[in-house]
Protein backbone atom coordinates (compact mmCIF):
# COMPACT_ATOMS: atom_id res chain seq x y z
CA UNK A 1 0.28 -0.11 -0.10
CA UNK A 2 1.67 3.30 -1.06
CA UNK A 3 1.52 6.79 0.33
CA UNK A 4 -0.47 9.31 -1.54
CA UNK A 5 -0.19 12.96 -1.02
CA UNK A 6 -1.70 16.01 -2.18
CA UNK A 7 -0.90 19.59 -2.50
CA UNK A 8 -1.06 21.80 0.58
CA UNK A 9 -4.26 23.69 1.18
CA UNK A 10 -4.83 26.93 2.48
CA UNK A 11 -6.88 26.28 5.72
CA UNK A 12 -7.81 29.96 6.50
CA UNK A 13 -11.24 31.54 5.87
CA UNK A 14 -14.05 29.77 4.14
CA UNK A 15 -12.94 26.40 4.39
CA UNK A 16 -11.52 26.45 7.89
CA UNK A 17 -15.09 28.09 8.78
CA UNK A 18 -16.95 25.70 6.43
CA UNK A 19 -15.15 22.58 8.01
CA UNK A 20 -16.00 23.58 11.40
CA UNK A 21 -19.95 24.13 10.73
CA UNK A 22 -19.82 20.74 8.73
CA UNK A 23 -18.26 19.02 11.65
CA UNK A 24 -21.12 20.34 14.34
CA UNK A 25 -23.72 19.79 11.63
CA UNK A 26 -22.93 16.29 11.24
CA UNK A 27 -21.97 15.68 14.79
CA UNK A 28 -25.25 17.09 16.49
CA UNK A 29 -27.36 15.22 13.93
CA UNK A 30 -25.60 11.98 14.70
CA UNK A 31 -26.36 12.90 18.49
CA UNK A 32 -29.71 13.49 17.64
CA UNK A 33 -30.18 10.12 15.68
CA UNK A 34 -28.81 8.22 18.64
CA UNK A 35 -31.63 9.17 20.91
CA UNK A 36 -33.75 7.08 18.19
CA UNK A 37 -30.77 4.38 17.21
CA UNK A 38 -31.76 2.12 14.56
CA UNK A 39 -29.69 -0.58 15.81
CA UNK A 40 -30.67 -0.55 19.42
CA UNK A 41 -33.66 1.77 20.32
CA UNK A 42 -35.87 1.22 17.46
CA UNK A 43 -36.01 -2.51 17.28
CA UNK A 44 -36.82 -2.59 21.05
CA UNK A 45 -39.83 -0.50 20.45
CA UNK A 46 -40.85 -2.65 17.23
CA UNK A 47 -40.81 -5.55 19.93
CA UNK A 48 -42.93 -3.40 22.42
CA UNK A 49 -45.34 -2.52 19.72
CA UNK A 50 -45.98 -6.36 19.40
CA UNK A 51 -44.23 -6.79 16.09
CA UNK A 52 -42.21 -9.85 15.45
CA UNK A 53 -38.38 -10.69 13.80
CA UNK A 54 -39.89 -10.01 10.23
CA UNK A 55 -40.96 -6.71 11.40
CA UNK A 56 -37.64 -5.99 12.95
CA UNK A 57 -36.15 -6.80 9.65
CA UNK A 58 -37.85 -4.33 7.86
CA UNK A 59 -36.29 -1.81 9.92
CA UNK A 60 -33.15 -1.65 7.73
CA UNK A 61 -35.21 -2.27 4.62
CA UNK A 62 -37.37 0.43 4.84
CA UNK A 63 -34.88 2.97 5.98
CA UNK A 64 -32.59 2.08 3.34
CA UNK A 65 -35.27 2.02 0.63
CA UNK A 66 -36.86 4.86 1.74
CA UNK A 67 -33.35 6.67 1.94
CA UNK A 68 -31.88 5.56 -1.68
CA UNK A 69 -34.80 5.35 -4.05
CA UNK A 70 -35.43 9.28 -4.25
CA UNK A 71 -31.76 9.99 -4.67
CA UNK A 72 -31.73 9.14 -8.72
CA UNK A 73 -34.78 11.42 -8.96
CA UNK A 74 -33.46 14.36 -7.12
CA UNK A 75 -29.93 13.94 -8.69
CA UNK A 76 -30.87 14.99 -12.16
CA UNK A 77 -32.20 18.07 -10.76
CA UNK A 78 -29.08 18.51 -8.51
CA UNK A 79 -26.82 18.35 -11.18
CA UNK A 80 -28.66 21.19 -13.19
CA UNK A 81 -28.36 23.59 -10.69
CA UNK A 82 -24.60 25.43 -9.77
CA UNK A 83 -26.04 26.44 -6.32
CA UNK A 84 -26.64 23.81 -4.01
CA UNK A 85 -27.30 25.33 -0.92
CA UNK A 86 -30.88 25.90 -1.16
CA UNK A 87 -32.28 22.61 -2.14
CA UNK A 88 -29.95 21.37 0.64
CA UNK A 89 -31.86 23.29 3.32
CA UNK A 90 -35.30 22.52 2.01
CA UNK A 91 -34.74 18.75 2.15
CA UNK A 92 -32.92 18.76 5.22
CA UNK A 93 -36.15 20.58 7.02
CA UNK A 94 -38.09 17.31 5.40
CA UNK A 95 -35.56 14.96 6.73
CA UNK A 96 -36.05 16.17 10.24
CA UNK A 97 -39.71 16.96 10.78
CA UNK A 98 -40.76 13.26 10.75
CA UNK A 99 -39.53 12.62 13.78
CA UNK A 100 -41.51 15.25 15.33
CA UNK A 101 -44.50 13.22 13.78
CA UNK A 102 -43.34 9.98 15.13
CA UNK A 103 -43.09 11.58 18.61
CA UNK A 104 -46.85 12.46 18.51
CA UNK A 105 -47.99 9.37 16.96
CA UNK A 106 -46.16 7.24 19.57
CA UNK A 107 -47.54 9.05 22.34
CA UNK A 108 -51.14 9.45 21.11
CA UNK A 109 -52.11 6.83 18.21
CA UNK A 110 -49.49 3.86 18.29
CA UNK A 111 -50.39 2.08 21.27
CA UNK A 112 -54.04 2.31 21.45
CA UNK A 113 -54.65 0.42 18.14
CA UNK A 114 -54.06 -3.03 17.40
CA UNK A 115 -50.53 -4.18 16.83
CA UNK A 116 -50.43 -4.46 12.95
CA UNK A 117 -52.14 -0.97 12.35
CA UNK A 118 -49.30 0.11 15.07
CA UNK A 119 -46.66 -0.73 12.99
CA UNK A 120 -48.02 0.33 9.76
CA UNK A 121 -48.73 3.55 11.03
CA UNK A 122 -44.90 3.77 12.87
CA UNK A 123 -43.24 2.54 9.33
CA UNK A 124 -45.05 5.17 7.41
CA UNK A 125 -43.65 7.93 9.76
CA UNK A 126 -40.20 5.80 9.67
CA UNK A 127 -40.23 5.64 5.75
CA UNK A 128 -40.97 9.61 5.45
CA UNK A 129 -38.23 10.17 7.56
CA UNK A 130 -35.92 8.21 5.31
CA UNK A 131 -37.41 9.62 2.37
CA UNK A 132 -36.23 13.28 3.56
CA UNK A 133 -32.79 11.89 3.88
CA UNK A 134 -32.54 10.20 0.38
CA UNK A 135 -33.84 13.59 -1.30
CA UNK A 136 -31.44 15.82 0.83
CA UNK A 137 -28.32 13.31 0.23
CA UNK A 138 -27.40 14.09 -3.52
CA UNK A 139 -27.27 18.14 -3.07
CA UNK A 140 -25.53 17.89 0.32
CA UNK A 141 -23.13 15.54 -0.95
CA UNK A 142 -22.58 17.86 -3.88
CA UNK A 143 -22.21 20.90 -1.32
CA UNK A 144 -19.67 19.12 0.49
CA UNK A 145 -17.57 17.64 -1.74
CA UNK A 146 -17.64 21.50 -3.36
CA UNK A 147 -16.48 23.33 -0.04
CA UNK A 148 -14.10 20.56 1.20
CA UNK A 149 -10.84 19.56 -0.35
CA UNK A 150 -10.25 16.10 -1.04
CA UNK A 151 -7.41 15.48 1.27
CA UNK A 152 -9.34 16.63 4.26
CA UNK A 153 -12.74 15.11 3.60
CA UNK A 154 -11.47 11.93 5.77
CA UNK A 155 -10.91 13.97 8.71
CA UNK A 156 -14.10 15.91 8.24
CA UNK A 157 -16.43 12.95 8.41
CA UNK A 158 -14.15 11.16 11.12
CA UNK A 159 -14.64 14.47 13.43
CA UNK A 160 -18.31 14.28 12.50
CA UNK A 161 -18.59 11.04 13.70
CA UNK A 162 -16.40 11.25 16.79
CA UNK A 163 -17.81 14.14 17.86
CA UNK A 164 -21.31 12.57 17.44
CA UNK A 165 -20.23 9.46 19.27
CA UNK A 166 -18.99 11.46 22.27
CA UNK A 167 -22.40 12.86 22.58
CA UNK A 168 -23.96 9.78 21.90
CA UNK A 169 -22.54 8.21 24.85
CA UNK A 170 -24.62 10.98 26.82
CA UNK A 171 -27.67 9.99 24.37
CA UNK A 172 -27.12 6.28 25.25
CA UNK A 173 -27.07 7.04 28.70
CA UNK A 174 -29.98 9.22 28.69
CA UNK A 175 -32.09 6.78 26.48
CA UNK A 176 -31.41 4.19 29.21
CA UNK A 177 -33.03 6.67 31.98
CA UNK A 178 -35.95 7.49 30.08
CA UNK A 179 -36.57 3.65 28.92
CA UNK A 180 -36.54 2.44 32.31
CA UNK A 181 -38.14 5.16 34.23
CA UNK A 182 -40.69 6.63 32.12
CA UNK A 183 -43.64 4.80 31.20
CA UNK A 184 -44.60 3.20 27.64
CA UNK A 185 -45.35 4.72 25.20
CA UNK A 186 -44.27 8.06 26.77
CA UNK A 187 -40.69 6.99 26.98
CA UNK A 188 -40.39 6.25 23.09
CA UNK A 189 -42.49 9.39 22.32
CA UNK A 190 -40.12 11.40 24.33
CA UNK A 191 -37.16 9.94 22.41
CA UNK A 192 -38.14 10.81 19.15
CA UNK A 193 -39.03 14.58 20.50
CA UNK A 194 -35.80 14.92 21.87
CA UNK A 195 -34.37 13.80 18.78
CA UNK A 196 -36.35 16.59 16.70
CA UNK A 197 -35.16 19.49 18.81
CA UNK A 198 -31.30 18.13 18.46
CA UNK A 199 -31.88 17.61 14.99
CA UNK A 200 -32.94 21.22 14.46
CA UNK A 201 -30.07 22.57 16.15
CA UNK A 202 -27.84 20.92 13.76
CA UNK A 203 -30.12 22.71 11.27
CA UNK A 204 -28.91 26.16 12.39
CA UNK A 205 -25.17 25.27 11.63
CA UNK A 206 -25.81 23.94 8.37
CA UNK A 207 -27.44 26.72 7.37
CA UNK A 208 -24.82 28.84 8.57
CA UNK A 209 -22.69 27.06 5.82
CA UNK A 210 -21.25 29.75 3.16
CA UNK A 211 -21.38 28.37 -0.28
CA UNK A 212 -19.09 30.83 -2.42
CA UNK A 213 -17.50 28.28 -5.28
CA UNK A 214 -20.10 28.02 -8.50
CA UNK A 215 -20.34 24.12 -9.37
CA UNK A 216 -19.79 22.87 -12.98
CA UNK A 217 -23.24 22.75 -14.51
CA UNK A 218 -24.15 19.32 -16.12
CA UNK A 219 -25.63 19.75 -19.39
CA UNK A 220 -29.49 19.83 -18.87
CA UNK A 221 -30.86 16.56 -20.50
CA UNK A 222 -34.59 15.06 -20.34
CA UNK A 223 -35.30 12.38 -17.65
CA UNK A 224 -35.76 9.76 -20.02
CA UNK A 225 -32.17 10.23 -21.63
CA UNK A 226 -30.86 10.54 -18.02
CA UNK A 227 -31.57 7.55 -16.81
CA UNK A 228 -30.71 5.73 -20.56
CA UNK A 229 -27.19 7.24 -19.70
CA UNK A 230 -27.10 5.23 -16.10
CA UNK A 231 -26.01 2.16 -17.57
CA UNK A 232 -23.40 3.70 -19.81
CA UNK A 233 -21.53 4.35 -16.50
CA UNK A 234 -21.46 0.90 -14.89
CA UNK A 235 -20.08 -0.43 -18.53
CA UNK A 236 -17.34 2.23 -18.65
CA UNK A 237 -16.04 2.53 -15.35
CA UNK A 238 -14.75 -1.07 -14.04
CA UNK A 239 -13.40 0.06 -10.94
CA UNK A 240 -16.58 2.04 -9.74
CA UNK A 241 -18.37 -1.40 -10.80
CA UNK A 242 -15.92 -3.13 -8.63
CA UNK A 243 -16.78 -1.29 -6.10
CA UNK A 244 -20.59 -1.68 -6.39
CA UNK A 245 -20.07 -5.24 -6.20
CA UNK A 246 -18.25 -5.24 -2.99
CA UNK A 247 -20.75 -2.53 -1.75
CA UNK A 248 -23.41 -4.85 -2.43
CA UNK A 249 -21.95 -7.95 -0.70
CA UNK A 250 -21.39 -5.47 2.34
CA UNK A 251 -25.17 -4.51 2.10
CA UNK A 252 -26.29 -8.14 2.46
CA UNK A 253 -23.79 -8.39 5.42
CA UNK A 254 -25.78 -5.56 6.58
CA UNK A 255 -28.40 -8.18 7.38
CA UNK A 256 -27.44 -8.96 10.79
CA UNK A 257 -27.27 -5.41 12.31
CA UNK A 258 -31.23 -5.22 13.27
CA UNK A 259 -30.72 -8.51 15.04
CA UNK A 260 -27.73 -8.12 17.33
CA UNK A 261 -29.88 -6.45 20.17
CA UNK A 262 -33.15 -8.33 19.82
CA UNK A 263 -30.86 -11.57 19.89
CA UNK A 264 -29.33 -10.54 23.38
CA UNK A 265 -32.35 -9.63 25.08
CA UNK A 266 -34.01 -12.80 24.19
CA UNK A 267 -30.68 -14.67 25.13
CA UNK A 268 -29.96 -12.96 28.20
CA UNK A 269 -33.43 -11.78 29.17
CA UNK A 270 -32.92 -8.09 29.42
CA UNK A 271 -35.01 -5.06 30.24
CA UNK A 272 -35.55 -2.11 27.70
CA UNK A 273 -32.83 -0.15 29.79
CA UNK A 274 -29.74 -2.18 28.04
CA UNK A 275 -30.71 -0.53 24.72
CA UNK A 276 -29.36 2.46 26.13
CA UNK A 277 -26.17 0.69 27.22
CA UNK A 278 -25.71 -0.86 23.94
CA UNK A 279 -26.11 2.40 22.34
CA UNK A 280 -23.20 3.73 24.86
CA UNK A 281 -21.10 0.78 23.78
CA UNK A 282 -21.22 1.72 20.03
CA UNK A 283 -20.76 5.17 20.59
CA UNK A 284 -17.58 4.80 22.64
CA UNK A 285 -16.21 2.36 20.15
CA UNK A 286 -17.32 4.83 17.24
CA UNK A 287 -15.28 7.44 18.87
CA UNK A 288 -11.70 5.48 18.85
CA UNK A 289 -12.59 4.08 15.13
CA UNK A 290 -13.92 7.01 13.39
CA UNK A 291 -10.60 9.24 14.54
CA UNK A 292 -8.54 6.22 13.60
CA UNK A 293 -10.01 5.12 10.26
CA UNK A 294 -10.58 9.02 9.06
CA UNK A 295 -6.68 9.70 9.20
CA UNK A 296 -5.58 6.44 7.66
CA UNK A 297 -8.23 7.21 4.84
CA UNK A 298 -6.64 10.91 4.16
CA UNK A 299 -3.44 9.22 4.06
CA UNK A 300 -4.11 5.77 2.18
CA UNK A 301 -7.52 6.17 1.07
CA UNK A 302 -10.99 4.94 1.61
CA UNK A 303 -10.91 1.59 0.12
CA UNK A 304 -8.80 0.18 2.93
CA UNK A 305 -11.63 1.29 5.33
CA UNK A 306 -14.23 -0.27 3.56
CA UNK A 307 -11.99 -3.63 3.84
CA UNK A 308 -11.96 -3.15 7.51
CA UNK A 309 -15.66 -2.56 7.77
CA UNK A 310 -16.62 -5.58 5.75
CA UNK A 311 -13.64 -7.61 7.95
CA UNK A 312 -15.20 -5.99 11.31
CA UNK A 313 -18.98 -7.43 10.20
CA UNK A 314 -17.75 -10.63 10.02
CA UNK A 315 -15.98 -10.69 13.16
CA UNK A 316 -18.87 -8.94 15.07
CA UNK A 317 -21.04 -12.39 13.56
CA UNK A 318 -18.79 -14.56 14.69
CA UNK A 319 -19.04 -13.15 18.22
CA UNK A 320 -22.72 -13.48 18.46
CA UNK A 321 -22.76 -16.69 17.70
CA UNK A 322 -20.14 -17.93 19.84
CA UNK A 323 -20.48 -15.73 22.66
CA UNK A 324 -22.04 -17.06 25.84
CA UNK A 325 -21.84 -14.30 28.58
CA UNK A 326 -23.68 -10.86 28.15
CA UNK A 327 -19.97 -8.81 29.25
CA UNK A 328 -18.30 -10.66 26.12
CA UNK A 329 -21.67 -10.12 24.28
CA UNK A 330 -20.86 -6.33 24.58
CA UNK A 331 -17.94 -6.92 22.07
CA UNK A 332 -20.22 -7.68 18.99
CA UNK A 333 -21.63 -3.76 19.48
CA UNK A 334 -18.18 -2.61 19.44
CA UNK A 335 -17.27 -4.29 16.07
CA UNK A 336 -20.50 -3.31 14.78
CA UNK A 337 -20.12 0.13 15.69
CA UNK A 338 -16.47 0.41 14.08
CA UNK A 339 -18.36 -1.30 10.82
CA UNK A 340 -21.27 1.65 10.94
CA UNK A 341 -18.10 4.38 11.56
CA UNK A 342 -15.95 3.37 8.87
CA UNK A 343 -19.03 3.15 6.47
CA UNK A 344 -19.97 6.71 7.46
CA UNK A 345 -16.30 8.10 7.06
CA UNK A 346 -15.76 6.32 3.84
CA UNK A 347 -18.64 4.75 1.46
CA UNK A 348 -20.07 7.46 0.06
CA UNK A 349 -16.63 9.74 0.39
CA UNK A 350 -14.68 7.18 -1.88
CA UNK A 351 -17.26 8.10 -4.75
CA UNK A 352 -16.10 11.60 -5.16
CA UNK A 353 -12.68 9.93 -6.24
CA UNK A 354 -14.30 7.84 -8.54
CA UNK A 355 -16.62 10.27 -10.52
CA UNK A 356 -16.37 13.44 -12.33
CA UNK A 357 -16.85 16.73 -10.55
CA UNK A 358 -20.40 17.37 -12.43
CA UNK A 359 -21.75 13.94 -12.27
CA UNK A 360 -21.09 13.16 -8.40
CA UNK A 361 -24.71 13.33 -7.23
CA UNK A 362 -25.07 11.05 -10.27
CA UNK A 363 -22.94 8.37 -9.23
CA UNK A 364 -23.78 8.71 -5.34
CA UNK A 365 -27.47 8.14 -6.36
CA UNK A 366 -26.92 5.61 -8.68
CA UNK A 367 -25.03 3.73 -6.29
CA UNK A 368 -27.69 3.90 -3.64
CA UNK A 369 -30.50 2.99 -6.00
CA UNK A 370 -28.73 -0.49 -7.16
CA UNK A 371 -27.86 -1.16 -3.45
CA UNK A 372 -31.99 -0.82 -2.96
CA UNK A 373 -32.95 -4.37 -4.04
CA UNK A 374 -30.28 -5.95 -1.80
CA UNK A 375 -31.37 -4.38 1.14
CA UNK A 376 -34.97 -6.46 0.92
CA UNK A 377 -32.11 -9.49 2.38
CA UNK A 378 -33.34 -7.84 5.56
CA UNK A 379 -36.91 -9.31 5.37
CA UNK A 380 -35.67 -12.71 4.11
CA UNK A 381 -33.50 -12.46 7.47
CA UNK A 382 -36.47 -11.77 9.67
CA UNK A 383 -37.98 -14.84 8.01
CA UNK A 384 -35.21 -16.78 8.41
CA UNK A 385 -34.65 -15.92 11.99
CA UNK A 386 -38.66 -16.69 12.75
CA UNK A 387 -38.35 -19.96 11.56
CA UNK A 388 -34.61 -21.11 12.30
CA UNK A 389 -33.34 -18.52 15.04
CA UNK A 390 -30.83 -16.19 14.80
CA UNK A 391 -27.76 -17.98 14.43
CA UNK A 392 -28.27 -18.67 10.50
CA UNK A 393 -28.78 -14.87 10.11
CA UNK A 394 -25.37 -14.45 11.41
CA UNK A 395 -23.77 -17.02 9.76
CA UNK A 396 -25.11 -15.79 6.28
CA UNK A 397 -24.44 -12.17 7.04
CA UNK A 398 -20.73 -13.26 8.11
CA UNK A 399 -20.31 -15.06 4.83
CA UNK A 400 -20.89 -12.18 3.28
CA UNK A 401 -19.06 -9.95 5.10
CA UNK A 402 -15.78 -12.29 4.29
CA UNK A 403 -16.90 -11.92 0.23
CA UNK A 404 -17.15 -8.18 0.51
CA UNK A 405 -13.84 -7.61 2.47
CA UNK A 406 -11.83 -9.86 -0.52
CA UNK A 407 -13.62 -7.85 -2.99
CA UNK A 408 -12.20 -4.57 -1.74
CA UNK A 409 -8.87 -5.60 -0.91
CA UNK A 410 -7.85 -7.65 -3.98
CA UNK A 411 -10.30 -6.74 -6.82
CA UNK A 412 -11.08 -3.12 -6.40
CA UNK A 413 -8.41 -0.62 -6.86
CA UNK A 414 -7.69 2.48 -4.53
CA UNK A 415 -8.89 5.34 -7.07
CA UNK A 416 -5.97 7.56 -5.55
CA UNK A 417 -3.13 5.56 -7.12
CA UNK A 418 -5.11 4.68 -10.57
CA UNK A 419 -6.91 7.76 -11.65
CA UNK A 420 -7.00 11.30 -11.35
CA UNK A 421 -10.51 12.14 -11.03
CA UNK A 422 -11.58 14.66 -8.78
CA UNK A 423 -8.40 14.58 -6.64
CA UNK A 424 -7.74 18.34 -6.97
CA UNK A 425 -11.40 19.00 -5.52
């Protein structure tokens, strides 16, 4: 693995200011999401409503489908606008509003209706939150790559994740106290309400970012022509195609994430408050992982991070299968958290180095849309867990994780060493 260096960059003025604002926007938003953590709090809530393992398996499916599908439709709109911030601010608000709706629905409606209707109402609100994020991502990522040079993006994401994780430790503690000491359904309603309020604080930092440089505007094309041109990217870009294969395998390995918590609850007969304990462990691990691997990405590229992310998923699955005590089971959440930190630092960031500047939002959207069908593995995992237990889910997920690690390490090439696309940005 060779060293890679880029020209020094002036950290004064707007670049430094935007860097700091970006860190706080992302960190505070991550802090907010820890009050409604997808891998700990939400699975416990689904079980509390009365949902089966199939319903738990729907959590990542609905979240990722809602987050990924809108992107291909918003990307063509984003690519034709040189100024991105106006689009970012509108979609960012739509990303946050559903959590207020979920807070109100949880307190006033969901617990009063039968289980199936309650789950339907929750998942509709949950889907709206993910759809808002999906509409936001192409413009937000375009804005971020526009105002952040390539060689500091790893540190930017690392600082966002690290600071968010440090605050997330407090969120985990607060969640434990709320879940243990506030009656259902007020406890989950309160957590979703807190998440919304904290998200709106991050919105203030996002609004303060300055957009000075004008993007290269992609040629305006009709929707039909835009969609027809997407397969050409897959045919012509071999390294991007290899990245997609490894990414899809990582998505399939992620089927295990929703079940680490519910398996622990059943195996060790835990109370709801342990969801907060697991969140604390995950956030603590995230602090160290994001710092270390953020600097590693800036020095050696993001591919090596994605390899470690797949490797850590395989280790988490093995630990979930063989660990027999609650104390040792916490290590499952350590490795799971490190994987999630690596994905946040590097999964989308590497696409900016695989794509032309004016097509970054298109590549990001294409990546996320292609992975959508494979997210349905979460439904299969829920069905598998209901029929045969959790162990087969962890075995299958671990297998996909090993394949993903192999593909990242031996098949995909580090874009910084094999092409010059976008490295000056």
